N, C-alpha and C. Protein backbone atom coordinates (compact mmCIF):
# COMPACT_ATOMS: atom_id res chain seq x y z
N MET A 1 -0.73 -40.58 62.80
CA MET A 1 -2.16 -40.58 62.97
C MET A 1 -2.87 -40.32 61.64
N ASP A 2 -2.31 -39.38 60.83
CA ASP A 2 -2.93 -39.10 59.53
C ASP A 2 -2.90 -40.31 58.62
N GLY A 3 -1.83 -41.10 58.71
CA GLY A 3 -1.72 -42.30 57.87
C GLY A 3 -2.76 -43.33 58.22
N VAL A 4 -3.13 -43.43 59.51
CA VAL A 4 -4.14 -44.39 59.95
C VAL A 4 -5.51 -43.96 59.44
N ILE A 5 -5.81 -42.66 59.53
CA ILE A 5 -7.10 -42.14 59.06
C ILE A 5 -7.22 -42.32 57.55
N PHE A 6 -6.13 -41.98 56.84
CA PHE A 6 -6.15 -42.16 55.39
C PHE A 6 -6.28 -43.64 55.04
N GLY A 7 -5.62 -44.50 55.79
CA GLY A 7 -5.69 -45.94 55.56
C GLY A 7 -7.09 -46.48 55.79
N VAL A 8 -7.75 -46.05 56.87
CA VAL A 8 -9.12 -46.48 57.16
C VAL A 8 -10.08 -45.90 56.12
N GLY A 9 -9.91 -44.61 55.80
CA GLY A 9 -10.75 -43.97 54.79
C GLY A 9 -10.56 -44.62 53.43
N GLY A 10 -9.31 -44.90 53.08
CA GLY A 10 -9.03 -45.55 51.80
C GLY A 10 -9.63 -46.95 51.73
N ALA A 11 -9.57 -47.65 52.86
CA ALA A 11 -10.15 -49.01 52.91
C ALA A 11 -11.66 -48.95 52.74
N LEU A 12 -12.29 -47.95 53.38
CA LEU A 12 -13.74 -47.80 53.23
C LEU A 12 -14.12 -47.47 51.79
N VAL A 13 -13.39 -46.57 51.18
CA VAL A 13 -13.66 -46.21 49.78
C VAL A 13 -13.46 -47.43 48.88
N LEU A 14 -12.37 -48.16 49.10
CA LEU A 14 -12.10 -49.36 48.31
C LEU A 14 -13.19 -50.40 48.50
N THR A 15 -13.64 -50.57 49.74
CA THR A 15 -14.73 -51.52 50.02
C THR A 15 -16.01 -51.08 49.32
N LEU A 16 -16.29 -49.79 49.34
CA LEU A 16 -17.47 -49.26 48.68
C LEU A 16 -17.39 -49.49 47.17
N ILE A 17 -16.25 -49.24 46.58
CA ILE A 17 -16.08 -49.44 45.13
C ILE A 17 -16.25 -50.92 44.78
N ILE A 18 -15.63 -51.80 45.57
CA ILE A 18 -15.76 -53.24 45.31
C ILE A 18 -17.22 -53.67 45.46
N GLY A 19 -17.91 -53.15 46.48
CA GLY A 19 -19.32 -53.47 46.69
C GLY A 19 -20.18 -53.04 45.51
N LEU A 20 -19.93 -51.84 44.98
CA LEU A 20 -20.69 -51.35 43.83
C LEU A 20 -20.43 -52.20 42.59
N VAL A 21 -19.17 -52.58 42.39
CA VAL A 21 -18.83 -53.43 41.24
C VAL A 21 -19.52 -54.79 41.36
N VAL A 22 -19.47 -55.39 42.54
CA VAL A 22 -20.11 -56.70 42.76
C VAL A 22 -21.62 -56.58 42.56
N ALA A 23 -22.24 -55.53 43.11
CA ALA A 23 -23.69 -55.32 42.93
C ALA A 23 -24.03 -55.13 41.46
N GLY A 24 -23.20 -54.39 40.74
CA GLY A 24 -23.43 -54.19 39.31
C GLY A 24 -23.34 -55.49 38.52
N VAL A 25 -22.33 -56.29 38.83
CA VAL A 25 -22.17 -57.58 38.13
C VAL A 25 -23.34 -58.50 38.44
N LEU A 26 -23.72 -58.58 39.72
CA LEU A 26 -24.86 -59.44 40.08
C LEU A 26 -26.16 -58.95 39.45
N GLY A 27 -26.36 -57.64 39.44
CA GLY A 27 -27.56 -57.08 38.81
C GLY A 27 -27.60 -57.36 37.32
N TYR A 28 -26.47 -57.21 36.66
CA TYR A 28 -26.40 -57.48 35.22
C TYR A 28 -26.64 -58.96 34.95
N ASN A 29 -26.07 -59.84 35.76
CA ASN A 29 -26.27 -61.28 35.57
C ASN A 29 -27.74 -61.65 35.76
N ARG A 30 -28.39 -61.07 36.75
CA ARG A 30 -29.82 -61.35 36.99
C ARG A 30 -30.64 -60.87 35.80
N LEU A 31 -30.36 -59.68 35.31
CA LEU A 31 -31.08 -59.15 34.15
C LEU A 31 -30.84 -60.01 32.92
N SER A 32 -29.62 -60.44 32.73
CA SER A 32 -29.28 -61.30 31.60
C SER A 32 -30.00 -62.65 31.70
N MET A 33 -30.05 -63.22 32.90
CA MET A 33 -30.74 -64.49 33.11
C MET A 33 -32.24 -64.35 32.81
N LEU A 34 -32.86 -63.28 33.29
CA LEU A 34 -34.27 -63.05 33.02
C LEU A 34 -34.52 -62.84 31.53
N ASN A 35 -33.62 -62.15 30.86
CA ASN A 35 -33.74 -61.96 29.41
C ASN A 35 -33.67 -63.31 28.69
N ASP A 36 -32.78 -64.19 29.15
CA ASP A 36 -32.69 -65.53 28.56
C ASP A 36 -33.97 -66.33 28.80
N LEU A 37 -34.56 -66.20 30.00
CA LEU A 37 -35.81 -66.90 30.30
C LEU A 37 -36.94 -66.40 29.41
N VAL A 38 -36.99 -65.10 29.17
CA VAL A 38 -38.00 -64.54 28.27
C VAL A 38 -37.82 -65.11 26.86
N GLY A 39 -36.57 -65.17 26.40
CA GLY A 39 -36.29 -65.73 25.07
C GLY A 39 -36.69 -67.18 24.97
N GLU A 40 -36.38 -67.98 25.99
CA GLU A 40 -36.74 -69.40 25.96
C GLU A 40 -38.26 -69.58 26.01
N ALA A 41 -38.93 -68.79 26.85
CA ALA A 41 -40.39 -68.87 26.93
C ALA A 41 -41.03 -68.47 25.60
N ARG A 42 -40.46 -67.49 24.92
CA ARG A 42 -41.00 -67.09 23.63
C ARG A 42 -40.79 -68.19 22.59
N ARG A 43 -39.62 -68.83 22.60
CA ARG A 43 -39.39 -69.94 21.66
C ARG A 43 -40.37 -71.07 21.91
N GLN A 44 -40.65 -71.37 23.18
CA GLN A 44 -41.62 -72.41 23.51
C GLN A 44 -43.00 -72.04 22.98
N LEU A 45 -43.40 -70.79 23.16
CA LEU A 45 -44.68 -70.31 22.67
C LEU A 45 -44.74 -70.41 21.15
N GLU A 46 -43.68 -69.99 20.48
CA GLU A 46 -43.64 -70.05 19.01
C GLU A 46 -43.74 -71.50 18.51
N ARG A 47 -43.07 -72.43 19.20
CA ARG A 47 -43.15 -73.85 18.80
C ARG A 47 -44.57 -74.37 18.91
N THR A 48 -45.25 -74.01 19.99
CA THR A 48 -46.62 -74.48 20.20
C THR A 48 -47.55 -73.88 19.15
N LEU A 49 -47.37 -72.60 18.85
CA LEU A 49 -48.18 -71.97 17.79
C LEU A 49 -47.92 -72.65 16.44
N ALA A 50 -46.66 -72.95 16.15
CA ALA A 50 -46.31 -73.60 14.88
C ALA A 50 -46.94 -74.98 14.79
N GLN A 51 -46.98 -75.72 15.91
CA GLN A 51 -47.61 -77.04 15.90
C GLN A 51 -49.07 -76.92 15.52
N ARG A 52 -49.74 -75.93 16.07
CA ARG A 52 -51.16 -75.76 15.76
C ARG A 52 -51.34 -75.40 14.29
N HIS A 53 -50.53 -74.47 13.80
CA HIS A 53 -50.69 -74.05 12.41
C HIS A 53 -50.38 -75.19 11.43
N GLU A 54 -49.55 -76.14 11.85
CA GLU A 54 -49.23 -77.27 10.98
C GLU A 54 -50.41 -78.21 10.78
N ILE A 55 -51.26 -78.37 11.80
CA ILE A 55 -52.35 -79.34 11.66
C ILE A 55 -53.66 -78.72 11.18
N VAL A 56 -53.72 -77.39 11.09
CA VAL A 56 -54.96 -76.73 10.66
C VAL A 56 -55.39 -77.17 9.26
N PRO A 57 -54.50 -77.22 8.25
CA PRO A 57 -54.96 -77.64 6.93
C PRO A 57 -55.58 -79.05 6.93
N ASP A 58 -55.00 -79.97 7.70
CA ASP A 58 -55.56 -81.32 7.79
C ASP A 58 -56.94 -81.30 8.45
N PHE A 59 -57.10 -80.48 9.49
CA PHE A 59 -58.40 -80.39 10.15
C PHE A 59 -59.45 -79.82 9.20
N LEU A 60 -59.08 -78.77 8.47
CA LEU A 60 -60.04 -78.18 7.54
C LEU A 60 -60.38 -79.14 6.41
N ALA A 61 -59.42 -79.96 5.99
CA ALA A 61 -59.71 -80.99 4.98
C ALA A 61 -60.71 -82.00 5.54
N ALA A 62 -60.59 -82.33 6.83
CA ALA A 62 -61.54 -83.25 7.47
C ALA A 62 -62.92 -82.61 7.54
N VAL A 63 -62.98 -81.30 7.81
CA VAL A 63 -64.26 -80.59 7.85
C VAL A 63 -64.91 -80.62 6.46
N ARG A 64 -64.10 -80.42 5.42
CA ARG A 64 -64.64 -80.47 4.04
C ARG A 64 -65.13 -81.88 3.71
N ARG A 65 -64.37 -82.90 4.09
CA ARG A 65 -64.76 -84.30 3.83
C ARG A 65 -66.04 -84.64 4.53
N ASP A 66 -66.28 -83.96 5.62
CA ASP A 66 -67.42 -84.24 6.46
C ASP A 66 -68.75 -83.94 5.77
N GLY A 67 -68.69 -83.35 4.61
CA GLY A 67 -69.91 -83.03 3.90
C GLY A 67 -70.41 -81.63 4.22
N ASN A 68 -69.69 -80.94 5.02
CA ASN A 68 -70.08 -79.58 5.36
C ASN A 68 -69.61 -78.66 4.23
N ARG A 69 -70.50 -77.90 3.69
CA ARG A 69 -70.18 -77.05 2.54
C ARG A 69 -70.00 -75.58 2.92
N SER A 70 -69.68 -75.32 4.17
CA SER A 70 -69.55 -73.93 4.60
C SER A 70 -68.17 -73.39 4.21
N THR A 71 -68.01 -73.12 2.93
CA THR A 71 -66.72 -72.62 2.45
C THR A 71 -66.42 -71.23 3.00
N ALA A 72 -67.45 -70.45 3.27
CA ALA A 72 -67.22 -69.11 3.83
C ALA A 72 -66.56 -69.22 5.21
N LEU A 73 -66.99 -70.19 6.01
CA LEU A 73 -66.40 -70.39 7.32
C LEU A 73 -64.95 -70.85 7.20
N ILE A 74 -64.70 -71.77 6.29
CA ILE A 74 -63.33 -72.27 6.09
C ILE A 74 -62.44 -71.15 5.57
N GLU A 75 -62.96 -70.34 4.66
CA GLU A 75 -62.18 -69.19 4.17
C GLU A 75 -61.91 -68.19 5.28
N SER A 76 -62.87 -68.03 6.18
CA SER A 76 -62.68 -67.13 7.32
C SER A 76 -61.54 -67.65 8.21
N VAL A 77 -61.53 -68.95 8.47
CA VAL A 77 -60.47 -69.55 9.29
C VAL A 77 -59.12 -69.32 8.61
N MET A 78 -59.05 -69.57 7.31
CA MET A 78 -57.78 -69.42 6.59
C MET A 78 -57.34 -67.96 6.56
N SER A 79 -58.28 -67.05 6.43
CA SER A 79 -57.95 -65.62 6.40
C SER A 79 -57.34 -65.17 7.74
N VAL A 80 -57.97 -65.57 8.85
CA VAL A 80 -57.46 -65.19 10.17
C VAL A 80 -56.11 -65.86 10.39
N ARG A 81 -55.96 -67.09 9.94
CA ARG A 81 -54.68 -67.80 10.09
C ARG A 81 -53.56 -67.05 9.36
N GLU A 82 -53.81 -66.64 8.13
CA GLU A 82 -52.80 -65.90 7.35
C GLU A 82 -52.44 -64.59 8.02
N ARG A 83 -53.44 -63.88 8.54
CA ARG A 83 -53.17 -62.62 9.23
C ARG A 83 -52.34 -62.85 10.48
N ALA A 84 -52.64 -63.93 11.22
CA ALA A 84 -51.87 -64.23 12.44
C ALA A 84 -50.43 -64.57 12.09
N LEU A 85 -50.24 -65.34 11.03
CA LEU A 85 -48.87 -65.72 10.65
C LEU A 85 -48.05 -64.54 10.16
N SER A 86 -48.71 -63.52 9.64
CA SER A 86 -47.96 -62.37 9.10
C SER A 86 -48.03 -61.14 10.01
N ALA A 87 -48.45 -61.32 11.26
CA ALA A 87 -48.56 -60.19 12.20
C ALA A 87 -47.20 -59.55 12.42
N GLY A 88 -47.21 -58.24 12.58
CA GLY A 88 -45.96 -57.50 12.75
C GLY A 88 -45.41 -57.53 14.16
N THR A 89 -46.23 -57.24 15.15
CA THR A 89 -45.75 -57.19 16.53
C THR A 89 -46.26 -58.40 17.30
N LEU A 90 -45.63 -58.65 18.43
CA LEU A 90 -46.05 -59.78 19.27
C LEU A 90 -47.45 -59.55 19.82
N GLU A 91 -47.75 -58.33 20.19
CA GLU A 91 -49.09 -58.02 20.70
C GLU A 91 -50.15 -58.26 19.63
N GLU A 92 -49.88 -57.80 18.42
CA GLU A 92 -50.81 -58.03 17.31
C GLU A 92 -50.96 -59.53 17.05
N ARG A 93 -49.86 -60.25 17.11
CA ARG A 93 -49.91 -61.70 16.88
C ARG A 93 -50.76 -62.38 17.94
N GLY A 94 -50.61 -61.96 19.20
CA GLY A 94 -51.40 -62.55 20.27
C GLY A 94 -52.89 -62.33 20.07
N GLN A 95 -53.25 -61.12 19.67
CA GLN A 95 -54.66 -60.82 19.44
C GLN A 95 -55.21 -61.63 18.27
N LEU A 96 -54.42 -61.74 17.20
CA LEU A 96 -54.88 -62.51 16.04
C LEU A 96 -54.91 -64.01 16.32
N GLU A 97 -53.96 -64.50 17.11
CA GLU A 97 -53.99 -65.92 17.49
C GLU A 97 -55.21 -66.23 18.35
N GLN A 98 -55.58 -65.29 19.20
CA GLN A 98 -56.78 -65.48 20.00
C GLN A 98 -58.01 -65.51 19.11
N GLU A 99 -58.08 -64.58 18.16
CA GLU A 99 -59.19 -64.56 17.21
C GLU A 99 -59.21 -65.86 16.41
N PHE A 100 -58.02 -66.32 16.02
CA PHE A 100 -57.90 -67.56 15.27
C PHE A 100 -58.42 -68.74 16.10
N SER A 101 -58.09 -68.77 17.38
CA SER A 101 -58.59 -69.85 18.25
C SER A 101 -60.11 -69.85 18.30
N GLY A 102 -60.68 -68.66 18.47
CA GLY A 102 -62.14 -68.58 18.54
C GLY A 102 -62.81 -69.04 17.26
N VAL A 103 -62.28 -68.61 16.13
CA VAL A 103 -62.86 -68.99 14.84
C VAL A 103 -62.64 -70.48 14.59
N LEU A 104 -61.42 -70.94 14.83
CA LEU A 104 -61.07 -72.33 14.55
C LEU A 104 -61.85 -73.28 15.44
N LEU A 105 -61.89 -73.03 16.72
CA LEU A 105 -62.62 -73.92 17.62
C LEU A 105 -64.12 -73.71 17.52
N GLY A 106 -64.53 -72.58 16.98
CA GLY A 106 -65.94 -72.36 16.71
C GLY A 106 -66.44 -73.25 15.60
N VAL A 107 -65.53 -73.68 14.73
CA VAL A 107 -65.88 -74.63 13.67
C VAL A 107 -66.23 -75.96 14.31
N GLY A 108 -65.67 -76.20 15.49
CA GLY A 108 -65.62 -77.53 16.03
C GLY A 108 -66.82 -78.17 16.67
N PRO A 109 -67.53 -77.56 17.64
CA PRO A 109 -68.46 -78.36 18.43
C PRO A 109 -69.49 -79.13 17.62
N ASP A 110 -70.19 -78.46 16.72
CA ASP A 110 -71.18 -79.20 15.92
C ASP A 110 -70.49 -80.09 14.89
N ARG A 111 -69.34 -79.64 14.36
CA ARG A 111 -68.60 -80.47 13.41
C ARG A 111 -68.03 -81.71 14.10
N ALA A 112 -67.61 -81.55 15.36
CA ALA A 112 -67.07 -82.69 16.10
C ALA A 112 -68.13 -83.77 16.26
N ARG A 113 -69.37 -83.36 16.56
CA ARG A 113 -70.46 -84.32 16.69
C ARG A 113 -70.71 -85.01 15.36
N THR A 114 -70.71 -84.24 14.27
CA THR A 114 -70.91 -84.82 12.94
C THR A 114 -69.78 -85.77 12.59
N MET A 115 -68.56 -85.40 12.93
CA MET A 115 -67.41 -86.27 12.64
C MET A 115 -67.54 -87.58 13.40
N ARG A 116 -67.97 -87.49 14.66
CA ARG A 116 -68.15 -88.73 15.44
C ARG A 116 -69.24 -89.59 14.82
N GLU A 117 -70.34 -88.94 14.41
CA GLU A 117 -71.44 -89.69 13.81
C GLU A 117 -71.01 -90.35 12.51
N ASN A 118 -70.15 -89.67 11.75
CA ASN A 118 -69.66 -90.23 10.48
C ASN A 118 -68.44 -91.13 10.67
N ARG A 119 -68.08 -91.32 11.93
CA ARG A 119 -66.91 -92.16 12.28
C ARG A 119 -65.62 -91.64 11.63
N ASP A 120 -65.50 -90.33 11.57
CA ASP A 120 -64.26 -89.71 11.06
C ASP A 120 -63.30 -89.57 12.23
N GLU A 121 -62.60 -90.66 12.51
CA GLU A 121 -61.69 -90.67 13.65
C GLU A 121 -60.54 -89.70 13.47
N ALA A 122 -60.06 -89.56 12.25
CA ALA A 122 -58.95 -88.64 11.99
C ALA A 122 -59.38 -87.20 12.27
N GLY A 123 -60.56 -86.81 11.80
CA GLY A 123 -61.06 -85.46 12.04
C GLY A 123 -61.32 -85.20 13.51
N SER A 124 -61.88 -86.20 14.20
CA SER A 124 -62.13 -86.05 15.64
C SER A 124 -60.81 -85.94 16.41
N ALA A 125 -59.82 -86.72 16.02
CA ALA A 125 -58.51 -86.65 16.68
C ALA A 125 -57.85 -85.30 16.44
N LEU A 126 -57.98 -84.76 15.23
CA LEU A 126 -57.41 -83.46 14.93
C LEU A 126 -58.10 -82.36 15.74
N ARG A 127 -59.42 -82.44 15.85
CA ARG A 127 -60.15 -81.45 16.65
C ARG A 127 -59.71 -81.53 18.11
N HIS A 128 -59.58 -82.76 18.62
CA HIS A 128 -59.11 -82.94 20.00
C HIS A 128 -57.71 -82.34 20.17
N GLU A 129 -56.84 -82.56 19.19
CA GLU A 129 -55.47 -82.02 19.25
C GLU A 129 -55.49 -80.49 19.22
N LEU A 130 -56.38 -79.90 18.43
CA LEU A 130 -56.47 -78.43 18.39
C LEU A 130 -56.92 -77.86 19.73
N VAL A 131 -57.87 -78.53 20.37
CA VAL A 131 -58.32 -78.07 21.69
C VAL A 131 -57.17 -78.19 22.69
N ARG A 132 -56.44 -79.31 22.63
CA ARG A 132 -55.30 -79.52 23.53
C ARG A 132 -54.23 -78.45 23.29
N LEU A 133 -53.94 -78.16 22.02
CA LEU A 133 -52.94 -77.14 21.69
C LEU A 133 -53.38 -75.75 22.13
N ASP A 134 -54.68 -75.48 22.07
CA ASP A 134 -55.18 -74.19 22.54
C ASP A 134 -54.84 -74.02 24.02
N GLY A 135 -55.03 -75.07 24.79
CA GLY A 135 -54.68 -75.04 26.21
C GLY A 135 -53.18 -74.88 26.42
N ARG A 136 -52.38 -75.56 25.59
CA ARG A 136 -50.92 -75.43 25.69
C ARG A 136 -50.46 -74.03 25.31
N ILE A 137 -51.11 -73.43 24.33
CA ILE A 137 -50.76 -72.06 23.94
C ILE A 137 -51.07 -71.11 25.11
N ALA A 138 -52.22 -71.32 25.74
CA ALA A 138 -52.58 -70.49 26.89
C ALA A 138 -51.56 -70.65 28.02
N ALA A 139 -51.15 -71.89 28.28
CA ALA A 139 -50.15 -72.13 29.32
C ALA A 139 -48.81 -71.51 28.94
N SER A 140 -48.41 -71.63 27.68
CA SER A 140 -47.16 -71.03 27.22
C SER A 140 -47.22 -69.51 27.31
N ALA A 141 -48.39 -68.94 27.00
CA ALA A 141 -48.56 -67.48 27.09
C ALA A 141 -48.44 -67.03 28.54
N ARG A 142 -49.03 -67.79 29.48
CA ARG A 142 -48.90 -67.45 30.90
C ARG A 142 -47.43 -67.49 31.33
N TYR A 143 -46.74 -68.56 30.94
CA TYR A 143 -45.33 -68.74 31.30
C TYR A 143 -44.49 -67.59 30.74
N TYR A 144 -44.73 -67.26 29.47
CA TYR A 144 -44.00 -66.16 28.82
C TYR A 144 -44.30 -64.84 29.53
N ASN A 145 -45.57 -64.56 29.78
CA ASN A 145 -45.95 -63.28 30.39
C ASN A 145 -45.40 -63.11 31.80
N VAL A 146 -45.32 -64.19 32.57
CA VAL A 146 -44.72 -64.12 33.91
C VAL A 146 -43.27 -63.68 33.80
N HIS A 147 -42.52 -64.28 32.88
CA HIS A 147 -41.11 -63.92 32.74
C HIS A 147 -40.94 -62.52 32.17
N VAL A 148 -41.83 -62.10 31.29
CA VAL A 148 -41.77 -60.73 30.77
C VAL A 148 -41.99 -59.73 31.90
N GLU A 149 -42.99 -59.99 32.75
CA GLU A 149 -43.27 -59.08 33.87
C GLU A 149 -42.07 -59.00 34.81
N ARG A 150 -41.47 -60.14 35.11
CA ARG A 150 -40.30 -60.15 36.00
C ARG A 150 -39.11 -59.42 35.36
N PHE A 151 -38.90 -59.67 34.08
CA PHE A 151 -37.80 -59.01 33.37
C PHE A 151 -38.01 -57.50 33.35
N ASN A 152 -39.20 -57.07 32.97
CA ASN A 152 -39.47 -55.63 32.90
C ASN A 152 -39.39 -54.97 34.28
N ALA A 153 -39.83 -55.68 35.33
CA ALA A 153 -39.73 -55.12 36.69
C ALA A 153 -38.26 -54.97 37.08
N ARG A 154 -37.44 -55.97 36.77
CA ARG A 154 -36.01 -55.89 37.09
C ARG A 154 -35.35 -54.80 36.26
N ARG A 155 -35.77 -54.66 35.03
CA ARG A 155 -35.20 -53.65 34.14
C ARG A 155 -35.51 -52.24 34.63
N ASN A 156 -36.61 -52.08 35.37
CA ASN A 156 -37.01 -50.77 35.87
C ASN A 156 -36.39 -50.41 37.22
N THR A 157 -35.56 -51.29 37.78
CA THR A 157 -34.85 -50.95 39.01
C THR A 157 -33.68 -50.04 38.67
N LEU A 158 -33.06 -49.45 39.67
CA LEU A 158 -31.93 -48.55 39.45
C LEU A 158 -30.80 -49.29 38.72
N THR A 159 -30.46 -50.48 39.21
CA THR A 159 -29.40 -51.26 38.56
C THR A 159 -29.80 -51.60 37.12
N GLY A 160 -31.06 -51.95 36.94
CA GLY A 160 -31.54 -52.28 35.60
C GLY A 160 -31.48 -51.10 34.65
N ARG A 161 -31.80 -49.92 35.16
CA ARG A 161 -31.74 -48.72 34.31
C ARG A 161 -30.30 -48.39 33.92
N ILE A 162 -29.39 -48.59 34.86
CA ILE A 162 -27.99 -48.28 34.58
C ILE A 162 -27.40 -49.30 33.61
N LEU A 163 -27.67 -50.57 33.87
CA LEU A 163 -27.04 -51.64 33.09
C LEU A 163 -27.92 -52.21 31.98
N GLY A 164 -29.20 -51.90 32.01
CA GLY A 164 -30.14 -52.55 31.12
C GLY A 164 -30.30 -51.95 29.75
N SER A 165 -29.50 -50.96 29.40
CA SER A 165 -29.66 -50.35 28.07
C SER A 165 -29.38 -51.38 26.98
N ARG A 166 -28.67 -52.43 27.32
CA ARG A 166 -28.38 -53.50 26.36
C ARG A 166 -29.63 -54.34 26.07
N PHE A 167 -30.59 -54.33 26.99
CA PHE A 167 -31.78 -55.17 26.88
C PHE A 167 -33.01 -54.31 26.59
N ALA A 168 -33.70 -54.60 25.51
CA ALA A 168 -34.93 -53.89 25.19
C ALA A 168 -36.06 -54.40 26.08
N PRO A 169 -37.02 -53.55 26.41
CA PRO A 169 -38.15 -54.04 27.19
C PRO A 169 -38.93 -55.07 26.37
N ALA A 170 -39.47 -56.06 27.05
CA ALA A 170 -40.23 -57.12 26.37
C ALA A 170 -41.72 -56.81 26.46
N SER A 171 -42.46 -57.24 25.45
CA SER A 171 -43.91 -57.04 25.48
C SER A 171 -44.60 -58.37 25.75
N THR A 172 -45.76 -58.28 26.38
CA THR A 172 -46.50 -59.48 26.73
C THR A 172 -47.24 -60.02 25.51
N PHE A 173 -47.74 -61.24 25.65
CA PHE A 173 -48.47 -61.92 24.58
C PHE A 173 -49.92 -62.05 25.04
N PRO A 174 -50.80 -61.15 24.55
CA PRO A 174 -52.19 -61.20 25.00
C PRO A 174 -52.92 -62.37 24.34
N PHE A 175 -53.28 -63.35 25.13
CA PHE A 175 -53.96 -64.52 24.57
C PHE A 175 -54.89 -65.09 25.62
N ARG A 176 -56.09 -65.42 25.20
CA ARG A 176 -57.05 -66.12 26.05
C ARG A 176 -57.32 -67.46 25.39
N SER A 177 -57.37 -68.48 26.19
CA SER A 177 -57.77 -69.78 25.68
C SER A 177 -59.22 -69.68 25.23
N ALA A 178 -59.56 -70.32 24.13
CA ALA A 178 -60.94 -70.26 23.64
C ALA A 178 -61.90 -70.82 24.69
N ASP A 179 -61.51 -71.86 25.41
CA ASP A 179 -62.35 -72.40 26.48
C ASP A 179 -62.44 -71.44 27.64
N ASN A 180 -61.31 -70.81 28.03
CA ASN A 180 -61.30 -69.86 29.14
C ASN A 180 -62.05 -68.59 28.79
N GLU A 181 -62.06 -68.22 27.51
CA GLU A 181 -62.74 -66.99 27.12
C GLU A 181 -64.22 -67.08 27.43
N ARG A 182 -64.78 -68.28 27.28
CA ARG A 182 -66.20 -68.45 27.58
C ARG A 182 -66.47 -68.15 29.06
N ARG A 183 -65.48 -68.45 29.90
CA ARG A 183 -65.62 -68.19 31.33
C ARG A 183 -65.08 -66.82 31.70
N GLY A 184 -64.42 -66.13 30.74
CA GLY A 184 -63.90 -64.79 30.99
C GLY A 184 -62.61 -64.76 31.78
N GLU A 185 -61.80 -65.84 31.71
CA GLU A 185 -60.56 -65.87 32.48
C GLU A 185 -59.40 -65.47 31.57
N LEU A 186 -58.66 -64.47 31.97
CA LEU A 186 -57.47 -64.06 31.22
C LEU A 186 -56.33 -65.03 31.51
N THR A 187 -55.68 -65.51 30.46
CA THR A 187 -54.56 -66.42 30.68
C THR A 187 -53.30 -65.66 31.04
N GLY A 188 -53.23 -64.39 30.75
CA GLY A 188 -52.04 -63.62 31.08
C GLY A 188 -52.07 -63.07 32.49
N ASN A 189 -53.16 -63.27 33.21
CA ASN A 189 -53.32 -62.71 34.54
C ASN A 189 -52.96 -63.77 35.57
N VAL A 190 -51.72 -63.80 35.98
CA VAL A 190 -51.22 -64.83 36.88
C VAL A 190 -51.08 -64.25 38.28
N PRO A 191 -51.58 -64.96 39.31
CA PRO A 191 -51.44 -64.44 40.67
C PRO A 191 -49.98 -64.25 41.02
N GLY A 192 -49.71 -63.19 41.75
CA GLY A 192 -48.36 -62.97 42.24
C GLY A 192 -47.51 -62.10 41.33
N VAL A 193 -47.86 -61.98 40.06
CA VAL A 193 -47.03 -61.18 39.16
C VAL A 193 -47.22 -59.70 39.44
N ASP A 194 -48.48 -59.29 39.55
CA ASP A 194 -48.72 -57.88 39.82
C ASP A 194 -49.28 -57.67 41.24
N GLY A 195 -49.19 -58.71 42.06
CA GLY A 195 -49.67 -58.60 43.43
C GLY A 195 -51.13 -58.95 43.60
N SER A 196 -51.86 -59.14 42.50
CA SER A 196 -53.28 -59.46 42.60
C SER A 196 -53.48 -60.97 42.69
N GLN A 197 -54.63 -61.34 43.12
CA GLN A 197 -54.99 -62.76 43.19
C GLN A 197 -56.17 -63.01 42.27
N GLN A 198 -56.22 -64.22 41.73
CA GLN A 198 -57.37 -64.57 40.89
C GLN A 198 -58.44 -65.19 41.74
């Protein structure tokens, strides 16, 4: 009789140990997958930011060609651009990129009309591309922030705390689209991430 009790008890303990190991492996794999998604979303965001920074000098050259002599405004755009490119943290970079969007696209509306009037198709196309990239940056920031929120939430679970010491917490990328800012819509505020609705 003692052998049967020990056998049943041993089987239960063994089942419990196997269950904990399986739960640990699954939890670690989920955390690792979310970490990979955060990394991929950040690379996508960085590529989109790099695309915008690549065409800025050409756009500013078109603004100069346009006969506009506002060198202070162009210097302001270049100053914010340099600060954004040399930002230390991701949060600082997001804030500076947002400021850069506002300054850069602020150059645009009246300049865009002048470019059209002067038939500067290249300048108009560059301005259109900058507006399009601003929207893509906002979408990339939303995508990145959703995965950061999910990763950090998983990291804060019991399994995540036990196994997640290998993974550093991720920070969000605060960015508002220059067009959305006029309407006051945060691009990082996605329904369902924190339970709120827009």
